[in-house]
Amino acid sequence: MNYQSNDNGQMKREVGLFGSFSILAGIMIGSGIFYIGSYILVRSGMNIGLSLVIWILGGLITLMSGVCFAELGAMIPKAGGSYVYLREAYGKRIAFISGFSNFILGASGTNAALGIAFASAVSIFIPMASFTQKLFAVGNILLITIVNVFGIRFGSKLQNIFMVLKLLPIIFIILCGLFKGTQPIDFHFHQVEDVNIFSLIGMISFALIATIWAFQGWNQLNGIAEEIKNPQRNLPLAIILSICGVTLLYFLFDFSIYRVVPIDMIQSSLQEGNYYLGNVAANLIFGNFGKYVVGITMILSIFNSLNGCIMVYPRTYYAMAKDGAFFSSVAKLHPKYKTPTNALYVSAIVSCLLIFARDLSQLTNLVALVNIVFNGMIFYAVIILRKKYPTMHRPYRVWAYPLSIIFIVCIMTGLMMSMLIEDPITSIIGFIVPIVGLVLYHLFFYKKVGKQNNEIK
């Protein structure tokens, strides 16, 4: 099969560079920008300087990860993204386990967490009980799913509009914080001077795990590679621009908060369980009007992120179904809009079920673990595929190969070990799902998948 062309023209290439950037950046800039900085600060020993450095480290790690996906996506611009790369590098069994884990935890868990966060943001203006918020989250996921049935162009335009709308108030908050704030930023790491080197590495690693949720979605553009115009150019460029831009935005957002909110007020807010320091900063800058500024920004940001996730994740299940590694009906495209309708529907169902099964904190940890494990395998897949297909056209290549890949794989391994130590229960749950996936693969899909042959020709 020639991976440089469309699959018999079934899907339409209708997403340009700005649309690709908007989808990826829109997914990343969701609920995390408003509270993840607080988790990083706590895990950094309340050291503001170290917490800001960790944002930069998280962005660099994500960028190094992104260039791996840029090479793979430009080389194999097909729907399915991660699933396709794992299939070509490790075989269909590993690819299925990855896809199944994302279906149950990673992708669906992200949708569920964003749905809950969106309902929580709306409740600022329309008070809702906990169960009502979950019902509202379900309704929102179903609504966005239906919208995305009407074509990638329609969903992409919606993404572009909300991307611009949400950036305006975020940038406004940053500028007000930078120019109106009077608090000095302490970049000295005096709070961690008495911590030994091993404890410091553990502290930084656990704080970096929080950035994984904040940057969650950086790898999802590859899932719609088959629908991107000139993917050999636009996909790598969109990945690099969006990761760099989002890293700068996260850093400046937290920096502006620390310029406004005194450290003792930050500590008291966190002790009271209020991790939304952006609200505290907005109240200090704008008074009572501040909660409305942040509330509207949160609603726009989370909706934009959720729309992007619902748009791209089902493409993986579509690719699995085409392999025979999922229910055959999921491979069905809408006759007019060429969207994977059944994949969109089953994704929505599992996401809605997870809303009632886990809380926001548990969901974010599960999502982070699933991404650490399988992304690490995809990074190493660059080396495997370089050896397996040495003559295949690669419009984009990883920087400083292979040292950069070995380094990022080691980082992912260290983060996984840190999470196993810090949160063993969630880690155990995260590893149970792939085991269940392996069993289901051999029970229901092994023979069916064996009849397919989708390797690169």
Protein backbone atom coordinates (compact mmCIF):
# COMPACT_ATOMS: atom_id res chain seq x y z
CA MET A 1 0.00 0.00 0.00
CA ASN A 2 1.28 3.45 -0.89
CA TYR A 3 0.97 5.62 2.20
CA GLN A 4 1.54 8.83 0.30
CA SER A 5 -1.91 8.79 -1.27
CA ASN A 6 -5.50 8.77 -0.11
CA ASP A 7 -7.17 5.46 0.49
CA ASN A 8 -9.22 5.39 -2.73
CA GLY A 9 -10.27 8.97 -1.99
CA GLN A 10 -12.57 7.85 0.81
CA MET A 11 -11.57 10.68 3.13
CA LYS A 12 -11.33 14.30 2.03
CA ARG A 13 -8.21 16.43 2.54
CA GLU A 14 -9.89 19.61 3.77
CA VAL A 15 -7.73 20.81 6.70
CA GLY A 16 -5.01 23.38 5.99
CA LEU A 17 -2.07 24.59 8.09
CA PHE A 18 -4.05 27.00 10.28
CA GLY A 19 -6.77 24.40 10.74
CA SER A 20 -4.13 21.83 11.76
CA PHE A 21 -2.54 24.28 14.19
CA SER A 22 -5.95 25.21 15.57
CA ILE A 23 -6.95 21.59 16.12
CA LEU A 24 -3.73 20.70 17.93
CA ALA A 25 -3.33 23.88 19.99
CA GLY A 26 -7.07 23.89 20.67
CA ILE A 27 -6.90 20.38 22.12
CA MET A 28 -3.90 21.21 24.31
CA ILE A 29 -5.25 24.50 25.69
CA GLY A 30 -8.18 23.13 27.62
CA SER A 31 -8.96 22.93 31.30
CA GLY A 32 -5.32 22.26 32.21
CA ILE A 33 -4.17 25.85 31.79
CA PHE A 34 -6.36 26.91 34.73
CA TYR A 35 -5.33 24.40 37.40
CA ILE A 36 -2.36 22.24 36.34
CA GLY A 37 0.05 25.01 37.32
CA SER A 38 -1.13 24.62 40.91
CA TYR A 39 -0.35 20.89 40.91
CA ILE A 40 3.09 21.61 39.47
CA LEU A 41 3.70 24.24 42.17
CA VAL A 42 2.70 21.86 44.96
CA ARG A 43 4.81 19.02 43.54
CA SER A 44 7.73 21.48 43.22
CA GLY A 45 7.74 22.10 46.96
CA MET A 46 5.98 25.48 46.54
CA ASN A 47 9.01 26.78 44.67
CA ILE A 48 7.71 29.24 42.08
CA GLY A 49 10.98 29.41 40.14
CA LEU A 50 11.25 25.62 39.90
CA SER A 51 7.59 25.30 38.87
CA LEU A 52 8.14 27.73 35.97
CA VAL A 53 11.26 25.86 34.90
CA ILE A 54 9.25 22.64 34.90
CA TRP A 55 6.80 24.20 32.44
CA ILE A 56 9.74 24.82 30.09
CA LEU A 57 11.08 21.29 30.63
CA GLY A 58 7.62 19.86 29.97
CA GLY A 59 7.40 21.87 26.75
CA LEU A 60 10.85 20.71 25.59
CA ILE A 61 10.01 17.07 26.29
CA THR A 62 6.73 17.48 24.43
CA LEU A 63 8.54 19.14 21.51
CA MET A 64 11.07 16.30 21.32
CA SER A 65 8.14 13.91 21.37
CA GLY A 66 6.37 15.93 18.73
CA VAL A 67 9.20 15.76 16.20
CA CYS A 68 9.02 11.94 16.40
CA PHE A 69 5.35 12.10 15.47
CA ALA A 70 6.19 14.67 12.79
CA GLU A 71 8.51 12.19 11.05
CA LEU A 72 6.02 9.34 11.33
CA GLY A 73 3.03 11.45 10.28
CA ALA A 74 4.78 12.89 7.23
CA MET A 75 6.00 9.42 6.26
CA ILE A 76 2.64 7.67 6.81
CA PRO A 77 -0.13 10.30 6.42
CA LYS A 78 -2.98 7.91 7.19
CA ALA A 79 -5.98 7.98 9.53
CA GLY A 80 -5.28 6.30 12.86
CA GLY A 81 -1.97 7.92 13.78
CA SER A 82 -0.46 6.13 16.77
CA TYR A 83 -2.27 2.89 16.03
CA VAL A 84 -0.78 2.72 12.52
CA TYR A 85 2.78 3.42 13.73
CA LEU A 86 2.59 0.76 16.45
CA ARG A 87 1.16 -1.72 13.97
CA GLU A 88 4.00 -1.21 11.51
CA ALA A 89 6.71 -1.29 14.20
CA TYR A 90 5.51 -3.94 16.65
CA GLY A 91 2.68 -5.79 14.94
CA LYS A 92 -1.08 -5.79 15.15
CA ARG A 93 -1.32 -7.25 18.66
CA ILE A 94 0.49 -4.31 20.30
CA ALA A 95 -1.36 -1.85 18.06
CA PHE A 96 -4.70 -3.30 19.14
CA ILE A 97 -3.78 -3.14 22.84
CA SER A 98 -2.84 0.52 22.41
CA GLY A 99 -6.04 1.33 20.55
CA PHE A 100 -8.16 -0.56 23.04
CA SER A 101 -6.46 1.17 26.00
CA ASN A 102 -7.13 4.55 24.45
CA PHE A 103 -10.70 3.54 23.68
CA ILE A 104 -11.33 2.57 27.32
CA LEU A 105 -9.02 4.98 29.16
CA GLY A 106 -6.77 7.37 27.22
CA ALA A 107 -8.96 9.01 24.60
CA SER A 108 -12.33 8.37 26.23
CA GLY A 109 -10.94 9.39 29.62
CA THR A 110 -9.75 12.68 28.14
CA ASN A 111 -13.20 13.35 26.67
CA ALA A 112 -14.86 12.49 29.97
CA ALA A 113 -12.49 14.68 32.00
CA LEU A 114 -13.00 17.61 29.64
CA GLY A 115 -16.77 17.08 29.75
CA ILE A 116 -16.74 17.22 33.55
CA ALA A 117 -14.46 20.28 33.52
CA PHE A 118 -16.75 22.02 31.02
CA ALA A 119 -19.83 21.40 33.16
CA SER A 120 -17.93 22.66 36.20
CA ALA A 121 -17.04 25.88 34.34
CA VAL A 122 -20.65 26.43 33.25
CA SER A 123 -21.81 25.92 36.85
CA ILE A 124 -20.03 29.19 37.72
CA PHE A 125 -22.90 30.94 35.94
CA ILE A 126 -25.62 28.31 36.25
CA PRO A 127 -25.25 26.48 39.59
CA MET A 128 -25.63 22.72 39.19
CA ALA A 129 -25.41 19.80 41.60
CA SER A 130 -22.71 17.19 41.00
CA PHE A 131 -24.99 14.70 39.25
CA THR A 132 -26.56 17.45 37.14
CA GLN A 133 -23.07 18.50 36.02
CA LYS A 134 -22.42 14.97 34.84
CA LEU A 135 -25.66 14.93 32.87
CA PHE A 136 -24.72 18.27 31.35
CA ALA A 137 -21.30 16.87 30.42
CA VAL A 138 -22.95 13.90 28.69
CA GLY A 139 -25.25 16.20 26.72
CA ASN A 140 -22.34 18.34 25.59
CA ILE A 141 -20.31 15.35 24.40
CA LEU A 142 -23.29 14.02 22.44
CA LEU A 143 -23.92 17.45 20.89
CA ILE A 144 -20.32 17.92 19.73
CA THR A 145 -20.26 14.35 18.41
CA ILE A 146 -23.30 15.04 16.23
CA VAL A 147 -21.73 18.29 14.98
CA ASN A 148 -18.60 16.41 13.88
CA VAL A 149 -20.64 13.92 11.88
CA PHE A 150 -21.21 16.73 9.35
CA GLY A 151 -17.66 16.65 8.02
CA ILE A 152 -14.09 17.46 9.01
CA ARG A 153 -14.39 20.88 7.34
CA PHE A 154 -17.36 21.84 9.51
CA GLY A 155 -15.68 20.60 12.71
CA SER A 156 -12.41 22.31 11.76
CA LYS A 157 -14.16 25.66 11.15
CA LEU A 158 -15.82 25.40 14.55
CA GLN A 159 -12.39 24.67 16.04
CA ASN A 160 -10.86 27.72 14.36
CA ILE A 161 -13.59 30.05 15.63
CA PHE A 162 -13.37 28.89 19.25
CA MET A 163 -9.57 28.86 19.11
CA VAL A 164 -9.52 32.58 18.36
CA LEU A 165 -12.32 33.35 20.83
CA LYS A 166 -10.58 31.64 23.73
CA LEU A 167 -7.12 33.08 23.02
CA LEU A 168 -8.38 36.66 23.26
CA PRO A 169 -9.34 36.56 26.99
CA ILE A 170 -6.34 34.36 27.87
CA ILE A 171 -3.95 36.87 26.32
CA PHE A 172 -5.88 39.70 28.00
CA ILE A 173 -5.44 38.04 31.42
CA ILE A 174 -1.73 37.50 30.75
CA LEU A 175 -1.14 41.12 29.72
CA CYS A 176 -3.05 42.48 32.71
CA GLY A 177 -1.10 40.24 35.06
CA LEU A 178 2.27 41.13 33.55
CA PHE A 179 1.72 44.90 33.58
CA LYS A 180 -0.49 45.30 36.66
CA GLY A 181 1.21 42.72 38.85
CA THR A 182 3.71 43.91 41.44
CA GLN A 183 4.81 40.65 43.09
CA PRO A 184 8.49 39.74 42.60
CA ILE A 185 9.20 36.36 41.01
CA ASP A 186 11.74 34.38 43.03
CA PHE A 187 13.80 32.17 40.71
CA HIS A 188 16.06 30.97 43.53
CA PHE A 189 15.50 27.33 44.43
CA HIS A 190 15.99 27.93 48.14
CA GLN A 191 12.98 25.78 49.07
CA VAL A 192 14.73 22.70 47.66
CA GLU A 193 18.31 23.37 48.76
CA ASP A 194 18.04 20.85 51.59
CA VAL A 195 16.58 18.14 49.34
CA ASN A 196 19.04 15.44 48.22
CA ILE A 197 19.60 14.90 44.52
CA PHE A 198 17.50 11.73 44.29
CA SER A 199 14.54 13.32 46.07
CA LEU A 200 14.87 16.38 43.83
CA ILE A 201 14.82 14.23 40.68
CA GLY A 202 11.75 12.41 42.02
CA MET A 203 10.07 15.73 42.80
CA ILE A 204 10.76 17.12 39.34
CA SER A 205 9.64 13.88 37.66
CA PHE A 206 6.34 13.82 39.54
CA ALA A 207 5.77 17.49 38.69
CA LEU A 208 6.55 16.78 35.02
CA ILE A 209 3.79 14.15 34.97
CA ALA A 210 1.33 16.98 35.60
CA THR A 211 2.53 18.71 32.43
CA ILE A 212 1.63 15.58 30.44
CA TRP A 213 -2.03 16.30 31.12
CA ALA A 214 -1.58 19.98 30.31
CA PHE A 215 -0.01 19.13 26.93
CA GLN A 216 -2.37 16.20 26.40
CA GLY A 217 -3.39 16.01 22.76
CA TRP A 218 -0.09 17.13 21.19
CA ASN A 219 0.04 13.80 19.30
CA GLN A 220 -3.53 13.77 18.03
CA LEU A 221 -3.12 15.67 14.76
CA ASN A 222 -1.63 12.50 13.25
CA GLY A 223 -4.99 10.82 13.70
CA ILE A 224 -6.48 12.96 10.91
CA ALA A 225 -3.37 12.94 8.70
CA GLU A 226 -5.46 11.48 5.88
CA GLU A 227 -7.62 14.63 5.93
CA ILE A 228 -4.82 17.26 6.02
CA LYS A 229 -3.82 19.16 2.89
CA ASN A 230 -0.15 18.57 1.97
CA PRO A 231 0.50 16.55 5.18
CA GLN A 232 4.22 16.14 4.41
CA ARG A 233 4.62 19.89 5.02
CA ASN A 234 1.67 21.00 7.12
CA LEU A 235 1.63 18.21 9.69
CA PRO A 236 5.23 18.63 10.99
CA LEU A 237 4.95 22.43 10.86
CA ALA A 238 1.66 22.45 12.77
CA ILE A 239 3.05 20.11 15.45
CA ILE A 240 6.16 22.23 16.07
CA LEU A 241 4.36 25.60 15.99
CA SER A 242 1.54 24.49 18.27
CA ILE A 243 3.79 22.89 20.92
CA CYS A 244 6.12 25.91 21.03
CA GLY A 245 3.20 28.33 21.14
CA VAL A 246 1.33 26.45 23.86
CA THR A 247 4.47 26.11 26.01
CA LEU A 248 5.00 29.87 25.87
CA LEU A 249 1.33 30.47 26.67
CA TYR A 250 1.36 28.16 29.73
CA PHE A 251 4.57 29.73 31.04
CA LEU A 252 3.29 33.30 30.63
CA PHE A 253 -0.12 32.46 32.12
CA ASP A 254 1.38 31.10 35.34
CA PHE A 255 4.07 33.80 35.38
CA SER A 256 1.37 36.48 35.20
CA ILE A 257 -0.54 34.81 38.07
CA TYR A 258 2.55 34.84 40.28
CA ARG A 259 3.07 38.51 39.41
CA VAL A 260 -0.38 39.28 40.83
CA VAL A 261 -1.06 36.83 43.69
CA PRO A 262 1.14 37.01 46.83
CA ILE A 263 2.76 33.75 47.84
CA ASP A 264 0.90 33.61 51.18
CA MET A 265 -2.43 33.95 49.35
CA ILE A 266 -1.36 31.18 46.94
CA GLN A 267 -0.54 28.91 49.86
CA SER A 268 -3.82 29.59 51.65
CA SER A 269 -5.83 29.00 48.44
CA LEU A 270 -4.13 25.67 47.84
CA GLN A 271 -4.60 24.63 51.47
CA GLU A 272 -8.32 25.34 51.08
CA GLY A 273 -8.42 23.13 47.98
CA ASN A 274 -8.78 26.01 45.52
CA TYR A 275 -6.38 25.08 42.70
CA TYR A 276 -7.81 27.59 40.24
CA LEU A 277 -5.28 30.34 40.90
CA GLY A 278 -6.34 32.08 37.70
CA ASN A 279 -9.63 32.90 39.45
CA VAL A 280 -7.74 34.37 42.40
CA ALA A 281 -5.58 36.50 40.10
CA ALA A 282 -8.58 37.68 38.07
CA ASN A 283 -10.43 38.72 41.23
CA LEU A 284 -7.43 40.79 42.31
CA ILE A 285 -7.12 42.44 38.90
CA PHE A 286 -10.78 42.89 37.91
CA GLY A 287 -12.63 42.62 41.23
CA ASN A 288 -15.96 40.77 41.22
CA PHE A 289 -15.96 40.93 37.43
CA GLY A 290 -12.90 38.67 37.44
CA LYS A 291 -14.81 35.43 37.95
CA TYR A 292 -16.85 36.14 34.82
CA VAL A 293 -13.71 36.80 32.75
CA VAL A 294 -12.13 33.53 33.85
CA GLY A 295 -15.40 31.63 33.69
CA ILE A 296 -16.07 32.61 30.07
CA THR A 297 -12.46 31.87 29.15
CA MET A 298 -12.68 28.42 30.73
CA ILE A 299 -15.92 27.60 28.91
CA LEU A 300 -14.45 28.63 25.53
CA SER A 301 -11.16 26.81 26.16
CA ILE A 302 -12.64 23.54 27.34
CA PHE A 303 -15.29 23.47 24.61
CA ASN A 304 -12.59 24.06 21.98
CA SER A 305 -10.41 21.30 23.43
CA LEU A 306 -13.30 18.86 23.69
CA ASN A 307 -14.36 19.52 20.10
CA GLY A 308 -10.84 18.77 18.88
CA CYS A 309 -10.63 15.54 20.88
CA ILE A 310 -14.02 14.30 19.71
CA MET A 311 -12.97 15.13 16.15
CA VAL A 312 -9.66 13.21 16.08
CA TYR A 313 -9.85 10.27 18.52
CA PRO A 314 -12.45 8.19 16.60
CA ARG A 315 -10.13 8.07 13.57
CA THR A 316 -8.05 5.51 15.49
CA TYR A 317 -11.04 3.21 15.96
CA TYR A 318 -11.83 3.65 12.26
CA ALA A 319 -8.29 2.51 11.35
CA MET A 320 -8.58 -0.45 13.74
CA ALA A 321 -11.87 -1.53 12.19
CA LYS A 322 -10.35 -1.37 8.71
CA ASP A 323 -7.70 -3.81 9.97
CA GLY A 324 -10.35 -6.15 11.33
CA ALA A 325 -9.19 -5.26 14.87
CA PHE A 326 -12.50 -3.69 15.84
CA PHE A 327 -16.16 -4.08 14.95
CA SER A 328 -16.47 -3.88 11.17
CA SER A 329 -19.33 -1.37 11.37
CA VAL A 330 -16.92 1.16 12.92
CA ALA A 331 -15.08 1.34 9.58
CA LYS A 332 -18.16 2.83 7.94
CA LEU A 333 -17.89 6.35 6.52
CA HIS A 334 -20.81 8.70 6.09
CA PRO A 335 -21.81 8.52 2.39
CA LYS A 336 -21.88 12.33 2.02
CA TYR A 337 -19.57 13.83 4.64
CA LYS A 338 -16.95 11.01 4.65
CA THR A 339 -16.70 11.01 8.44
CA PRO A 340 -16.38 7.81 10.53
CA THR A 341 -19.86 8.11 12.01
CA ASN A 342 -20.00 4.85 13.97
CA ALA A 343 -16.53 5.46 15.39
CA LEU A 344 -17.74 8.85 16.59
CA TYR A 345 -20.79 7.28 18.20
CA VAL A 346 -18.99 4.48 20.08
CA SER A 347 -16.37 6.95 21.29
CA ALA A 348 -19.13 9.17 22.68
CA ILE A 349 -20.79 6.23 24.46
CA VAL A 350 -17.63 5.13 26.30
CA SER A 351 -16.73 8.74 27.18
CA CYS A 352 -20.18 9.26 28.69
CA LEU A 353 -19.91 6.06 30.74
CA LEU A 354 -16.54 7.17 32.15
CA ILE A 355 -18.12 10.43 33.33
CA PHE A 356 -20.09 8.42 35.87
CA ALA A 357 -17.23 6.03 36.72
CA ARG A 358 -14.30 8.26 37.79
CA ASP A 359 -13.64 11.74 39.13
CA LEU A 360 -11.50 14.37 37.38
CA SER A 361 -8.29 13.69 39.32
CA GLN A 362 -8.44 9.93 38.78
CA LEU A 363 -9.18 10.37 35.08
CA THR A 364 -6.22 12.69 34.50
CA ASN A 365 -3.80 10.25 36.18
CA LEU A 366 -5.11 7.30 34.17
CA VAL A 367 -4.85 9.25 30.92
CA ALA A 368 -1.27 10.31 31.74
CA LEU A 369 -0.16 6.73 32.44
CA VAL A 370 -1.64 5.31 29.22
CA ASN A 371 0.05 8.05 27.19
CA ILE A 372 3.44 7.59 28.86
CA VAL A 373 3.55 3.85 28.11
CA PHE A 374 2.44 3.84 24.49
CA ASN A 375 4.05 7.13 23.47
CA GLY A 376 7.38 5.75 24.69
CA MET A 377 6.90 2.77 22.39
CA ILE A 378 6.02 5.05 19.46
CA PHE A 379 9.17 7.12 19.97
CA TYR A 380 11.29 3.96 19.73
CA ALA A 381 9.23 2.95 16.68
CA VAL A 382 11.05 5.70 14.75
CA ILE A 383 14.27 3.68 15.12
CA ILE A 384 12.54 0.40 14.25
CA LEU A 385 10.91 1.82 11.10
CA ARG A 386 14.15 3.49 9.99
CA LYS A 387 15.72 0.00 9.96
CA LYS A 388 12.62 -1.78 8.61
CA TYR A 389 11.97 0.67 5.75
CA PRO A 390 15.31 2.46 5.12
CA THR A 391 14.41 3.61 1.59
CA MET A 392 10.94 4.94 2.38
CA HIS A 393 10.44 8.66 1.64
CA ARG A 394 10.70 10.76 4.82
CA PRO A 395 9.85 14.42 4.12
CA TYR A 396 10.70 15.27 7.73
CA ARG A 397 13.33 13.66 9.99
CA VAL A 398 13.85 13.67 13.77
CA TRP A 399 16.53 16.04 15.04
CA ALA A 400 19.78 14.56 16.45
CA TYR A 401 18.75 11.01 15.57
CA PRO A 402 19.06 8.55 17.33
CA LEU A 403 20.32 10.22 20.54
CA SER A 404 17.22 12.40 20.87
CA ILE A 405 14.93 9.37 20.65
CA ILE A 406 16.93 7.35 23.18
CA PHE A 407 16.85 10.35 25.52
CA ILE A 408 13.08 10.83 25.27
CA VAL A 409 12.45 7.10 25.75
CA CYS A 410 14.53 7.23 28.94
CA ILE A 411 12.54 10.25 30.12
CA MET A 412 9.25 8.43 29.52
CA THR A 413 10.54 5.37 31.40
CA GLY A 414 11.56 7.56 34.34
CA LEU A 415 8.18 9.28 34.42
CA MET A 416 6.40 5.92 34.37
CA MET A 417 8.50 4.67 37.30
CA SER A 418 7.80 7.89 39.19
CA MET A 419 4.05 7.44 38.73
CA LEU A 420 4.25 3.79 39.84
CA ILE A 421 5.88 4.94 43.06
CA GLU A 422 3.73 8.00 43.71
CA ASP A 423 0.33 6.60 42.66
CA PRO A 424 0.47 2.78 42.62
CA ILE A 425 -3.30 2.15 42.73
CA THR A 426 -4.04 4.23 39.65
CA SER A 427 -1.02 2.65 37.94
CA ILE A 428 -2.33 -0.85 38.60
CA ILE A 429 -5.73 0.09 37.13
CA GLY A 430 -3.96 1.57 34.13
CA PHE A 431 -2.09 -1.69 33.46
CA ILE A 432 -5.15 -3.91 33.90
CA VAL A 433 -6.84 -2.45 30.82
CA PRO A 434 -4.05 -3.46 28.36
CA ILE A 435 -4.12 -6.98 29.81
CA VAL A 436 -7.87 -7.15 29.23
CA GLY A 437 -7.25 -5.85 25.72
CA LEU A 438 -4.78 -8.67 25.03
CA VAL A 439 -7.35 -11.26 26.11
CA LEU A 440 -10.09 -9.71 23.96
CA TYR A 441 -7.76 -9.55 20.99
CA HIS A 442 -7.13 -13.31 21.05
CA LEU A 443 -10.76 -14.14 21.79
CA PHE A 444 -12.47 -12.01 19.14
CA PHE A 445 -10.07 -10.40 16.66
CA TYR A 446 -6.92 -12.51 16.22
CA LYS A 447 -8.20 -14.65 13.33
CA LYS A 448 -9.98 -11.75 11.68
CA VAL A 449 -6.90 -9.51 11.84
CA GLY A 450 -4.75 -12.31 10.45
CA LYS A 451 -6.66 -12.15 7.17
CA GLN A 452 -5.72 -8.51 6.67
CA ASN A 453 -2.36 -7.38 5.36
CA ASN A 454 -1.79 -3.65 5.80
CA GLU A 455 1.97 -3.49 5.98
CA ILE A 456 3.78 -0.88 3.91
CA LYS A 457 4.44 -2.09 0.40
